[in-house]
């Protein structure tokens, strides 16, 4: 892996960008794509989360963009079907990729309104 490369760093579908690489020590530091912030252990400004190479899966920008589009499309399908809880799940997955994805934010807001949640 090299600096600037996209990676999947969690089985929950979280994506990040490699910020620093120390292959001799098998340490990698990431910036989360959804929040566009460095990944910290605990509070921000403390200790950066260290990742081992085996915990990271290199991905292409096309694959990340494709997943974002699929999650947004699944969100609109479940919203139209009236399954608002599932809409929230799909929107949250999309927002983990891009925290400011307009379609995901709009659909999440619509689902929350239908569920009478603030």
Protein backbone atom coordinates (compact mmCIF):
# COMPACT_ATOMS: atom_id res chain seq x y z
CA UNK A 1 0.00 0.00 0.00
CA UNK A 2 1.06 3.57 -0.57
CA UNK A 3 0.00 7.02 0.59
CA UNK A 4 -3.25 8.15 -1.02
CA UNK A 5 -4.54 4.65 -1.77
CA UNK A 6 -8.15 3.79 -0.99
CA UNK A 7 -8.70 0.90 1.41
CA UNK A 8 -11.53 -0.90 3.14
CA UNK A 9 -10.60 -1.11 6.81
CA UNK A 10 -13.58 -2.74 8.48
CA UNK A 11 -15.91 -5.64 7.89
CA UNK A 12 -18.71 -3.09 8.37
CA UNK A 13 -17.84 -1.48 5.05
CA UNK A 14 -15.81 1.51 6.17
CA UNK A 15 -13.43 3.05 3.66
CA UNK A 16 -10.41 5.26 4.12
CA UNK A 17 -7.37 6.78 2.49
CA UNK A 18 -3.86 5.83 3.56
CA UNK A 19 -2.23 8.88 5.17
CA UNK A 20 1.06 7.39 6.40
CA UNK A 21 2.87 4.14 5.65
CA UNK A 22 5.50 2.40 7.77
CA UNK A 23 5.85 -1.06 6.13
CA UNK A 24 8.92 -1.96 8.19
CA UNK A 25 6.75 -1.79 11.32
CA UNK A 26 3.57 -2.96 9.52
CA UNK A 27 1.79 0.26 10.53
CA UNK A 28 -0.64 2.24 8.44
CA UNK A 29 -2.56 5.38 9.41
CA UNK A 30 -5.83 6.26 7.66
CA UNK A 31 -8.27 9.07 7.05
CA UNK A 32 -11.92 7.97 7.00
CA UNK A 33 -13.78 8.72 3.74
CA UNK A 34 -17.15 9.32 5.38
CA UNK A 35 -15.98 11.87 7.94
CA UNK A 36 -12.87 13.05 6.06
CA UNK A 37 -11.03 12.92 9.42
CA UNK A 38 -8.07 10.96 10.70
CA UNK A 39 -9.03 7.79 12.57
CA UNK A 40 -8.20 8.19 16.25
CA UNK A 41 -8.13 5.85 19.22
CA UNK A 42 -10.65 7.54 21.51
CA UNK A 43 -10.85 11.33 21.35
CA UNK A 44 -9.56 13.32 18.38
CA UNK A 45 -6.11 14.70 18.96
CA UNK A 46 -4.99 11.76 21.08
CA UNK A 47 -3.42 8.71 19.50
CA UNK A 48 -3.93 7.78 15.85
CA UNK A 49 -5.39 4.32 15.18
CA UNK A 50 -2.73 1.98 13.82
CA UNK A 51 -3.72 -0.60 11.22
CA UNK A 52 -1.85 -3.74 10.19
CA UNK A 53 -1.54 -4.53 6.50
CA UNK A 54 -3.63 -7.68 6.95
CA UNK A 55 -6.54 -5.52 8.20
CA UNK A 56 -6.64 -3.40 5.03
CA UNK A 57 -8.06 -4.27 1.62
CA UNK A 58 -6.96 -2.10 -1.28
CA UNK A 59 -9.89 -0.90 -3.41
CA UNK A 60 -10.26 1.21 -6.54
CA UNK A 61 -12.03 4.56 -6.73
CA UNK A 62 -14.43 3.04 -9.26
CA UNK A 63 -15.45 0.32 -6.80
CA UNK A 64 -16.04 2.85 -4.00
CA UNK A 65 -18.08 5.08 -6.34
CA UNK A 66 -20.05 2.04 -7.52
CA UNK A 67 -20.86 1.01 -3.94
CA UNK A 68 -21.99 4.54 -3.12
CA UNK A 69 -24.34 4.53 -6.11
CA UNK A 70 -25.71 1.09 -5.24
CA UNK A 71 -26.38 2.07 -1.62
CA UNK A 72 -28.14 5.26 -2.72
CA UNK A 73 -30.25 3.31 -5.22
CA UNK A 74 -31.15 0.67 -2.64
CA UNK A 75 -32.14 3.47 -0.28
CA UNK A 76 -34.59 4.98 -2.78
CA UNK A 77 -36.10 1.57 -3.57
CA UNK A 78 -36.70 0.81 0.10
CA UNK A 79 -38.03 4.34 0.67
CA UNK A 80 -40.57 3.94 -2.15
CA UNK A 81 -41.53 0.52 -0.77
CA UNK A 82 -42.25 2.14 2.59
CA UNK A 83 -39.47 0.31 4.41
CA UNK A 84 -38.10 3.34 6.23
CA UNK A 85 -35.87 1.45 8.68
CA UNK A 86 -34.07 -0.29 5.82
CA UNK A 87 -33.75 3.07 4.06
CA UNK A 88 -31.85 4.36 7.08
CA UNK A 89 -29.49 1.38 6.93
CA UNK A 90 -28.71 1.93 3.24
CA UNK A 91 -28.27 5.67 3.74
CA UNK A 92 -25.92 5.15 6.68
CA UNK A 93 -23.79 2.81 4.58
CA UNK A 94 -23.64 5.41 1.80
CA UNK A 95 -22.74 8.12 4.30
CA UNK A 96 -19.87 5.97 5.59
CA UNK A 97 -18.40 6.30 2.11
CA UNK A 98 -19.22 9.97 1.59
CA UNK A 99 -20.53 11.84 4.60
CA UNK A 100 -21.94 14.60 2.39
CA UNK A 101 -23.60 12.47 -0.32
CA UNK A 102 -26.65 14.61 -1.23
CA UNK A 103 -28.89 11.72 -2.29
CA UNK A 104 -28.16 9.75 0.87
CA UNK A 105 -28.77 12.78 3.09
CA UNK A 106 -32.03 13.59 1.31
CA UNK A 107 -33.33 10.02 1.50
CA UNK A 108 -32.29 9.62 5.11
CA UNK A 109 -34.12 12.84 5.95
CA UNK A 110 -37.25 11.64 4.14
CA UNK A 111 -37.17 8.31 6.00
CA UNK A 112 -36.68 10.04 9.35
CA UNK A 113 -39.62 12.36 8.64
CA UNK A 114 -41.82 9.36 7.81
CA UNK A 115 -40.75 7.73 11.08
CA UNK A 116 -41.46 10.98 12.98
CA UNK A 117 -37.90 11.14 14.21
CA UNK A 118 -35.97 14.45 14.44
